Amino acid sequence: MNDVSAMPLVLLVEDQPLLLLEAEDILKQQHFQVISAVNGNEGLSELDRDATRFSAVITDVRLGEGPDGWDLARRARELVPTMPVIYVTADSADEWAANGVPESVLIAKPFVPAQLVTALATLLNQQTFFHSTDTTSPPDQ
């Protein structure tokens, strides 16, 4: 697959450099394009620039100073209500029910690459399925 424009674009937000690089590598090996942000403010800037270019958002929950992953995902869903969201966290899983956006996935750190790839593929496939079977829109006239 050499056509870069056909590769889904993922926003990856992680404040730990080694984990960011590892996740980037995992995604690129699976033929995803990645735009990375090292904190919540950078992630929000990327979303506000043009959220529709992203196929999904993968974010750590704790991102240091500024907006956290919960804030980032809520903003993504304000801009694109069907945006697939994956949270990655070492210590915030118990907050997911209260703070996570609906139909998101949470992966606990440490994780194996297959967990991230499977979660992303599942959300993207669900999104494609629901868009292709959406009968709530009136037909073109």
N, C-alpha and C. Protein backbone atom coordinates (compact mmCIF):
# COMPACT_ATOMS: atom_id res chain seq x y z
N MET A 1 0.85 -1.18 0.00
CA MET A 1 0.00 0.00 0.00
C MET A 1 0.89 1.24 0.00
N ASN A 2 1.10 1.83 -1.15
CA ASN A 2 1.98 2.98 -1.26
C ASN A 2 1.23 4.30 -1.38
N ASP A 3 -0.08 4.26 -1.63
CA ASP A 3 -0.86 5.47 -1.76
C ASP A 3 -1.15 6.03 -0.37
N VAL A 4 -0.36 7.03 0.03
CA VAL A 4 -0.48 7.59 1.38
C VAL A 4 -1.86 8.19 1.60
N SER A 5 -2.48 8.75 0.56
CA SER A 5 -3.79 9.37 0.74
C SER A 5 -4.86 8.34 1.10
N ALA A 6 -4.64 7.07 0.79
CA ALA A 6 -5.61 6.02 1.11
C ALA A 6 -5.42 5.48 2.52
N MET A 7 -4.35 5.86 3.17
CA MET A 7 -4.07 5.37 4.52
C MET A 7 -4.82 6.23 5.54
N PRO A 8 -5.59 5.61 6.45
CA PRO A 8 -6.31 6.39 7.46
C PRO A 8 -5.34 7.21 8.32
N LEU A 9 -5.77 8.42 8.66
CA LEU A 9 -4.97 9.33 9.48
C LEU A 9 -5.47 9.29 10.92
N VAL A 10 -4.57 9.06 11.86
CA VAL A 10 -4.90 8.95 13.28
C VAL A 10 -4.20 10.07 14.04
N LEU A 11 -4.94 10.71 14.96
CA LEU A 11 -4.33 11.65 15.89
C LEU A 11 -3.93 10.87 17.13
N LEU A 12 -2.65 10.91 17.44
CA LEU A 12 -2.08 10.21 18.59
C LEU A 12 -1.57 11.24 19.59
N VAL A 13 -2.08 11.20 20.81
CA VAL A 13 -1.69 12.17 21.85
C VAL A 13 -1.14 11.40 23.04
N GLU A 14 0.14 11.60 23.30
CA GLU A 14 0.84 10.91 24.39
C GLU A 14 1.98 11.80 24.87
N ASP A 15 2.07 12.01 26.19
CA ASP A 15 3.09 12.91 26.73
C ASP A 15 4.40 12.21 27.07
N GLN A 16 4.45 10.90 27.02
CA GLN A 16 5.69 10.18 27.31
C GLN A 16 6.36 9.82 25.98
N PRO A 17 7.52 10.41 25.69
CA PRO A 17 8.16 10.26 24.38
C PRO A 17 8.38 8.81 23.93
N LEU A 18 8.83 7.94 24.81
CA LEU A 18 9.06 6.55 24.39
C LEU A 18 7.76 5.84 24.03
N LEU A 19 6.71 6.09 24.80
CA LEU A 19 5.42 5.48 24.49
C LEU A 19 4.84 6.05 23.20
N LEU A 20 5.07 7.33 22.97
CA LEU A 20 4.61 7.96 21.73
C LEU A 20 5.28 7.32 20.53
N LEU A 21 6.59 7.16 20.59
CA LEU A 21 7.33 6.54 19.48
C LEU A 21 6.88 5.09 19.25
N GLU A 22 6.69 4.36 20.33
CA GLU A 22 6.26 2.97 20.20
C GLU A 22 4.88 2.88 19.54
N ALA A 23 3.94 3.71 19.98
CA ALA A 23 2.60 3.70 19.40
C ALA A 23 2.63 4.15 17.93
N GLU A 24 3.45 5.15 17.62
CA GLU A 24 3.60 5.58 16.22
C GLU A 24 4.07 4.42 15.36
N ASP A 25 5.09 3.72 15.83
CA ASP A 25 5.63 2.58 15.07
C ASP A 25 4.58 1.50 14.86
N ILE A 26 3.83 1.17 15.90
CA ILE A 26 2.77 0.17 15.79
C ILE A 26 1.77 0.57 14.71
N LEU A 27 1.34 1.81 14.75
CA LEU A 27 0.32 2.27 13.80
C LEU A 27 0.85 2.33 12.37
N LYS A 28 2.07 2.81 12.22
CA LYS A 28 2.65 2.91 10.87
C LYS A 28 2.88 1.52 10.27
N GLN A 29 3.25 0.56 11.10
CA GLN A 29 3.41 -0.81 10.60
C GLN A 29 2.09 -1.39 10.10
N GLN A 30 1.00 -0.87 10.62
CA GLN A 30 -0.33 -1.33 10.21
C GLN A 30 -0.95 -0.42 9.14
N HIS A 31 -0.12 0.41 8.52
CA HIS A 31 -0.51 1.26 7.40
C HIS A 31 -1.45 2.40 7.78
N PHE A 32 -1.21 2.99 8.94
CA PHE A 32 -1.91 4.21 9.33
C PHE A 32 -0.94 5.36 9.21
N GLN A 33 -1.46 6.52 8.81
CA GLN A 33 -0.69 7.75 8.93
C GLN A 33 -0.93 8.26 10.34
N VAL A 34 0.05 8.95 10.91
CA VAL A 34 -0.06 9.41 12.29
C VAL A 34 0.36 10.86 12.38
N ILE A 35 -0.47 11.65 13.03
CA ILE A 35 -0.06 12.98 13.48
C ILE A 35 -0.01 12.89 14.99
N SER A 36 1.13 13.22 15.55
CA SER A 36 1.35 13.09 16.99
C SER A 36 1.34 14.43 17.69
N ALA A 37 0.85 14.41 18.92
CA ALA A 37 0.88 15.58 19.79
C ALA A 37 1.38 15.11 21.15
N VAL A 38 2.19 15.97 21.80
CA VAL A 38 2.80 15.58 23.07
C VAL A 38 2.06 16.10 24.30
N ASN A 39 0.96 16.82 24.09
CA ASN A 39 0.15 17.28 25.21
C ASN A 39 -1.26 17.62 24.72
N GLY A 40 -2.14 17.90 25.66
CA GLY A 40 -3.52 18.18 25.32
C GLY A 40 -3.71 19.41 24.45
N ASN A 41 -2.92 20.45 24.72
CA ASN A 41 -3.05 21.67 23.91
C ASN A 41 -2.70 21.43 22.44
N GLU A 42 -1.63 20.68 22.20
CA GLU A 42 -1.26 20.35 20.82
C GLU A 42 -2.34 19.49 20.17
N GLY A 43 -2.87 18.55 20.92
CA GLY A 43 -3.95 17.71 20.39
C GLY A 43 -5.18 18.52 20.02
N LEU A 44 -5.57 19.43 20.89
CA LEU A 44 -6.72 20.29 20.59
C LEU A 44 -6.46 21.16 19.38
N SER A 45 -5.25 21.67 19.25
CA SER A 45 -4.90 22.49 18.08
C SER A 45 -5.06 21.70 16.79
N GLU A 46 -4.60 20.45 16.79
CA GLU A 46 -4.74 19.61 15.61
C GLU A 46 -6.21 19.35 15.29
N LEU A 47 -7.01 19.10 16.31
CA LEU A 47 -8.44 18.89 16.08
C LEU A 47 -9.11 20.15 15.56
N ASP A 48 -8.79 21.28 16.16
CA ASP A 48 -9.41 22.54 15.74
C ASP A 48 -8.97 22.96 14.34
N ARG A 49 -7.79 22.54 13.94
CA ARG A 49 -7.30 22.85 12.58
C ARG A 49 -8.20 22.17 11.55
N ASP A 50 -8.53 20.91 11.74
CA ASP A 50 -9.44 20.18 10.85
C ASP A 50 -9.64 18.77 11.39
N ALA A 51 -10.61 18.59 12.24
CA ALA A 51 -10.85 17.29 12.86
C ALA A 51 -11.34 16.26 11.86
N THR A 52 -11.96 16.70 10.78
CA THR A 52 -12.53 15.75 9.82
C THR A 52 -11.47 14.95 9.06
N ARG A 53 -10.23 15.39 9.09
CA ARG A 53 -9.17 14.65 8.40
C ARG A 53 -8.77 13.39 9.15
N PHE A 54 -9.13 13.29 10.42
CA PHE A 54 -8.74 12.15 11.23
C PHE A 54 -9.78 11.03 11.16
N SER A 55 -9.27 9.80 11.07
CA SER A 55 -10.14 8.62 11.11
C SER A 55 -10.40 8.19 12.55
N ALA A 56 -9.52 8.58 13.48
CA ALA A 56 -9.66 8.20 14.88
C ALA A 56 -8.72 9.04 15.74
N VAL A 57 -9.00 9.05 17.04
CA VAL A 57 -8.15 9.70 18.04
C VAL A 57 -7.74 8.65 19.06
N ILE A 58 -6.44 8.59 19.32
CA ILE A 58 -5.89 7.74 20.38
C ILE A 58 -5.20 8.68 21.35
N THR A 59 -5.62 8.66 22.60
CA THR A 59 -5.06 9.60 23.57
C THR A 59 -4.80 8.96 24.92
N ASP A 60 -3.67 9.36 25.49
CA ASP A 60 -3.41 9.06 26.89
C ASP A 60 -4.42 9.89 27.68
N VAL A 61 -4.74 9.48 28.88
CA VAL A 61 -5.67 10.24 29.70
C VAL A 61 -4.94 11.36 30.44
N ARG A 62 -3.86 11.04 31.11
CA ARG A 62 -3.09 12.04 31.85
C ARG A 62 -2.02 12.62 30.93
N LEU A 63 -2.15 13.90 30.62
CA LEU A 63 -1.25 14.54 29.66
C LEU A 63 -0.47 15.70 30.25
N GLY A 64 -0.33 15.74 31.56
CA GLY A 64 0.41 16.84 32.18
C GLY A 64 -0.44 18.10 32.26
N GLU A 65 0.22 19.24 32.20
CA GLU A 65 -0.47 20.53 32.28
C GLU A 65 -1.44 20.69 31.12
N GLY A 66 -2.56 21.35 31.38
CA GLY A 66 -3.51 21.63 30.31
C GLY A 66 -4.58 20.56 30.20
N PRO A 67 -5.25 20.54 29.04
CA PRO A 67 -6.35 19.58 28.84
C PRO A 67 -5.87 18.14 28.94
N ASP A 68 -6.74 17.28 29.46
CA ASP A 68 -6.40 15.87 29.54
C ASP A 68 -7.07 15.11 28.39
N GLY A 69 -6.88 13.80 28.38
CA GLY A 69 -7.44 12.99 27.31
C GLY A 69 -8.96 12.99 27.29
N TRP A 70 -9.58 13.11 28.46
CA TRP A 70 -11.04 13.19 28.51
C TRP A 70 -11.50 14.43 27.75
N ASP A 71 -10.84 15.58 28.02
CA ASP A 71 -11.19 16.84 27.35
C ASP A 71 -10.99 16.72 25.85
N LEU A 72 -9.88 16.13 25.47
CA LEU A 72 -9.54 15.98 24.06
C LEU A 72 -10.60 15.17 23.32
N ALA A 73 -11.00 14.06 23.90
CA ALA A 73 -12.01 13.22 23.26
C ALA A 73 -13.36 13.92 23.16
N ARG A 74 -13.74 14.65 24.20
CA ARG A 74 -15.01 15.39 24.13
C ARG A 74 -14.98 16.42 23.01
N ARG A 75 -13.84 17.10 22.85
CA ARG A 75 -13.70 18.09 21.78
C ARG A 75 -13.76 17.40 20.41
N ALA A 76 -13.12 16.26 20.28
CA ALA A 76 -13.16 15.52 19.02
C ALA A 76 -14.60 15.17 18.67
N ARG A 77 -15.38 14.74 19.65
CA ARG A 77 -16.76 14.37 19.40
C ARG A 77 -17.66 15.58 19.16
N GLU A 78 -17.31 16.74 19.72
CA GLU A 78 -18.06 17.96 19.39
C GLU A 78 -17.89 18.28 17.90
N LEU A 79 -16.67 18.10 17.41
CA LEU A 79 -16.36 18.44 16.03
C LEU A 79 -16.79 17.36 15.04
N VAL A 80 -16.63 16.10 15.44
CA VAL A 80 -17.01 14.95 14.59
C VAL A 80 -17.71 13.95 15.52
N PRO A 81 -19.03 13.99 15.58
CA PRO A 81 -19.76 13.16 16.56
C PRO A 81 -19.51 11.66 16.48
N THR A 82 -19.07 11.17 15.35
CA THR A 82 -18.83 9.73 15.19
C THR A 82 -17.35 9.35 15.30
N MET A 83 -16.51 10.27 15.72
CA MET A 83 -15.07 10.02 15.79
C MET A 83 -14.75 8.85 16.71
N PRO A 84 -14.08 7.81 16.20
CA PRO A 84 -13.63 6.72 17.07
C PRO A 84 -12.57 7.24 18.05
N VAL A 85 -12.70 6.84 19.31
CA VAL A 85 -11.78 7.30 20.36
C VAL A 85 -11.27 6.10 21.15
N ILE A 86 -9.94 6.08 21.31
CA ILE A 86 -9.30 5.08 22.16
C ILE A 86 -8.50 5.82 23.23
N TYR A 87 -8.78 5.49 24.48
CA TYR A 87 -8.01 6.02 25.60
C TYR A 87 -6.96 4.98 25.99
N VAL A 88 -5.77 5.46 26.35
CA VAL A 88 -4.71 4.60 26.85
C VAL A 88 -4.31 5.18 28.21
N THR A 89 -4.29 4.34 29.24
CA THR A 89 -4.01 4.87 30.57
C THR A 89 -3.39 3.82 31.48
N ALA A 90 -2.58 4.29 32.40
CA ALA A 90 -2.00 3.40 33.41
C ALA A 90 -2.80 3.43 34.70
N ASP A 91 -3.53 4.54 34.93
CA ASP A 91 -4.16 4.68 36.24
C ASP A 91 -5.54 5.32 36.26
N SER A 92 -6.17 5.50 35.12
CA SER A 92 -7.45 6.22 35.09
C SER A 92 -8.62 5.37 34.61
N ALA A 93 -8.45 4.07 34.54
CA ALA A 93 -9.52 3.21 34.03
C ALA A 93 -10.80 3.35 34.83
N ASP A 94 -10.68 3.56 36.14
CA ASP A 94 -11.87 3.67 36.99
C ASP A 94 -12.67 4.94 36.72
N GLU A 95 -12.10 5.90 35.99
CA GLU A 95 -12.78 7.15 35.66
C GLU A 95 -13.48 7.11 34.30
N TRP A 96 -13.26 6.02 33.55
CA TRP A 96 -13.76 5.93 32.18
C TRP A 96 -15.29 6.05 32.10
N ALA A 97 -16.01 5.35 32.96
CA ALA A 97 -17.47 5.39 32.91
C ALA A 97 -18.01 6.80 33.10
N ALA A 98 -17.37 7.57 33.95
CA ALA A 98 -17.84 8.93 34.23
C ALA A 98 -17.34 9.95 33.22
N ASN A 99 -16.14 9.75 32.66
CA ASN A 99 -15.51 10.78 31.84
C ASN A 99 -15.35 10.42 30.37
N GLY A 100 -15.37 9.15 30.04
CA GLY A 100 -15.14 8.74 28.66
C GLY A 100 -16.34 9.04 27.77
N VAL A 101 -16.06 9.27 26.50
CA VAL A 101 -17.15 9.49 25.54
C VAL A 101 -17.81 8.15 25.23
N PRO A 102 -19.09 8.15 24.86
CA PRO A 102 -19.77 6.90 24.53
C PRO A 102 -19.09 6.15 23.39
N GLU A 103 -19.18 4.83 23.45
CA GLU A 103 -18.66 3.95 22.41
C GLU A 103 -17.17 4.13 22.16
N SER A 104 -16.45 4.46 23.22
CA SER A 104 -14.99 4.55 23.15
C SER A 104 -14.41 3.26 23.69
N VAL A 105 -13.10 3.12 23.55
CA VAL A 105 -12.39 1.96 24.07
C VAL A 105 -11.30 2.46 24.99
N LEU A 106 -11.06 1.74 26.08
CA LEU A 106 -9.96 2.07 26.99
C LEU A 106 -9.01 0.88 27.04
N ILE A 107 -7.73 1.17 26.86
CA ILE A 107 -6.68 0.16 26.94
C ILE A 107 -5.77 0.53 28.11
N ALA A 108 -5.54 -0.45 28.98
CA ALA A 108 -4.68 -0.21 30.14
C ALA A 108 -3.22 -0.40 29.75
N LYS A 109 -2.36 0.51 30.25
CA LYS A 109 -0.92 0.38 30.09
C LYS A 109 -0.40 -0.55 31.18
N PRO A 110 0.57 -1.36 30.91
CA PRO A 110 1.19 -1.57 29.60
C PRO A 110 0.29 -2.45 28.74
N PHE A 111 0.42 -2.29 27.43
CA PHE A 111 -0.40 -3.07 26.51
C PHE A 111 0.50 -3.66 25.43
N VAL A 112 -0.01 -4.67 24.76
CA VAL A 112 0.72 -5.26 23.64
C VAL A 112 0.18 -4.64 22.36
N PRO A 113 1.01 -4.56 21.31
CA PRO A 113 0.59 -3.91 20.07
C PRO A 113 -0.75 -4.41 19.52
N ALA A 114 -1.00 -5.71 19.64
CA ALA A 114 -2.25 -6.25 19.10
C ALA A 114 -3.48 -5.63 19.74
N GLN A 115 -3.40 -5.23 21.01
CA GLN A 115 -4.55 -4.61 21.67
C GLN A 115 -4.90 -3.28 21.00
N LEU A 116 -3.90 -2.48 20.71
CA LEU A 116 -4.12 -1.19 20.09
C LEU A 116 -4.67 -1.36 18.67
N VAL A 117 -4.05 -2.23 17.91
CA VAL A 117 -4.47 -2.46 16.52
C VAL A 117 -5.88 -3.03 16.47
N THR A 118 -6.18 -3.99 17.33
CA THR A 118 -7.52 -4.58 17.36
C THR A 118 -8.58 -3.56 17.74
N ALA A 119 -8.30 -2.76 18.75
CA ALA A 119 -9.27 -1.74 19.18
C ALA A 119 -9.53 -0.74 18.05
N LEU A 120 -8.47 -0.31 17.40
CA LEU A 120 -8.62 0.67 16.32
C LEU A 120 -9.39 0.06 15.15
N ALA A 121 -9.02 -1.14 14.75
CA ALA A 121 -9.70 -1.79 13.63
C ALA A 121 -11.18 -2.01 13.95
N THR A 122 -11.48 -2.41 15.17
CA THR A 122 -12.87 -2.64 15.57
C THR A 122 -13.69 -1.36 15.48
N LEU A 123 -13.17 -0.27 16.03
CA LEU A 123 -13.90 1.00 15.99
C LEU A 123 -14.08 1.50 14.56
N LEU A 124 -13.05 1.39 13.75
CA LEU A 124 -13.15 1.84 12.36
C LEU A 124 -14.14 0.98 11.58
N ASN A 125 -14.14 -0.32 11.82
CA ASN A 125 -15.09 -1.20 11.15
C ASN A 125 -16.52 -0.91 11.58
N GLN A 126 -16.73 -0.64 12.86
CA GLN A 126 -18.07 -0.28 13.34
C GLN A 126 -18.54 1.01 12.71
N GLN A 127 -17.65 1.98 12.62
CA GLN A 127 -18.00 3.26 12.02
C GLN A 127 -18.39 3.07 10.55
N THR A 128 -17.62 2.29 9.82
CA THR A 128 -17.91 2.03 8.41
C THR A 128 -19.24 1.30 8.28
N PHE A 129 -19.48 0.31 9.13
CA PHE A 129 -20.72 -0.46 9.09
C PHE A 129 -21.91 0.45 9.35
N PHE A 130 -21.85 1.27 10.38
CA PHE A 130 -22.98 2.12 10.72
C PHE A 130 -23.24 3.18 9.66
N HIS A 131 -22.18 3.71 9.05
CA HIS A 131 -22.38 4.69 7.98
C HIS A 131 -23.01 4.04 6.76
N SER A 132 -22.63 2.82 6.44
CA SER A 132 -23.14 2.16 5.25
C SER A 132 -24.57 1.65 5.44
N THR A 133 -25.03 1.50 6.69
CA THR A 133 -26.38 1.01 6.95
C THR A 133 -27.29 2.09 7.52
N ASP A 134 -26.85 3.33 7.52
CA ASP A 134 -27.64 4.43 8.07
C ASP A 134 -28.85 4.69 7.18
N THR A 135 -30.03 4.48 7.71
CA THR A 135 -31.26 4.70 6.95
C THR A 135 -32.05 5.88 7.49
N THR A 136 -31.44 6.66 8.38
CA THR A 136 -32.15 7.78 8.98
C THR A 136 -32.13 9.01 8.09
N SER A 137 -31.23 9.08 7.13
CA SER A 137 -31.15 10.24 6.25
C SER A 137 -32.15 10.08 5.11
N PRO A 138 -32.80 11.17 4.75
CA PRO A 138 -33.75 11.06 3.62
C PRO A 138 -32.99 10.81 2.34
N PRO A 139 -33.59 10.09 1.40
CA PRO A 139 -32.93 9.85 0.12
C PRO A 139 -32.78 11.14 -0.66
N ASP A 140 -31.80 11.17 -1.56
CA ASP A 140 -31.61 12.34 -2.41
C ASP A 140 -32.83 12.50 -3.31
N GLN A 141 -33.24 13.73 -3.53
CA GLN A 141 -34.40 13.97 -4.38
C GLN A 141 -34.02 14.78 -5.58
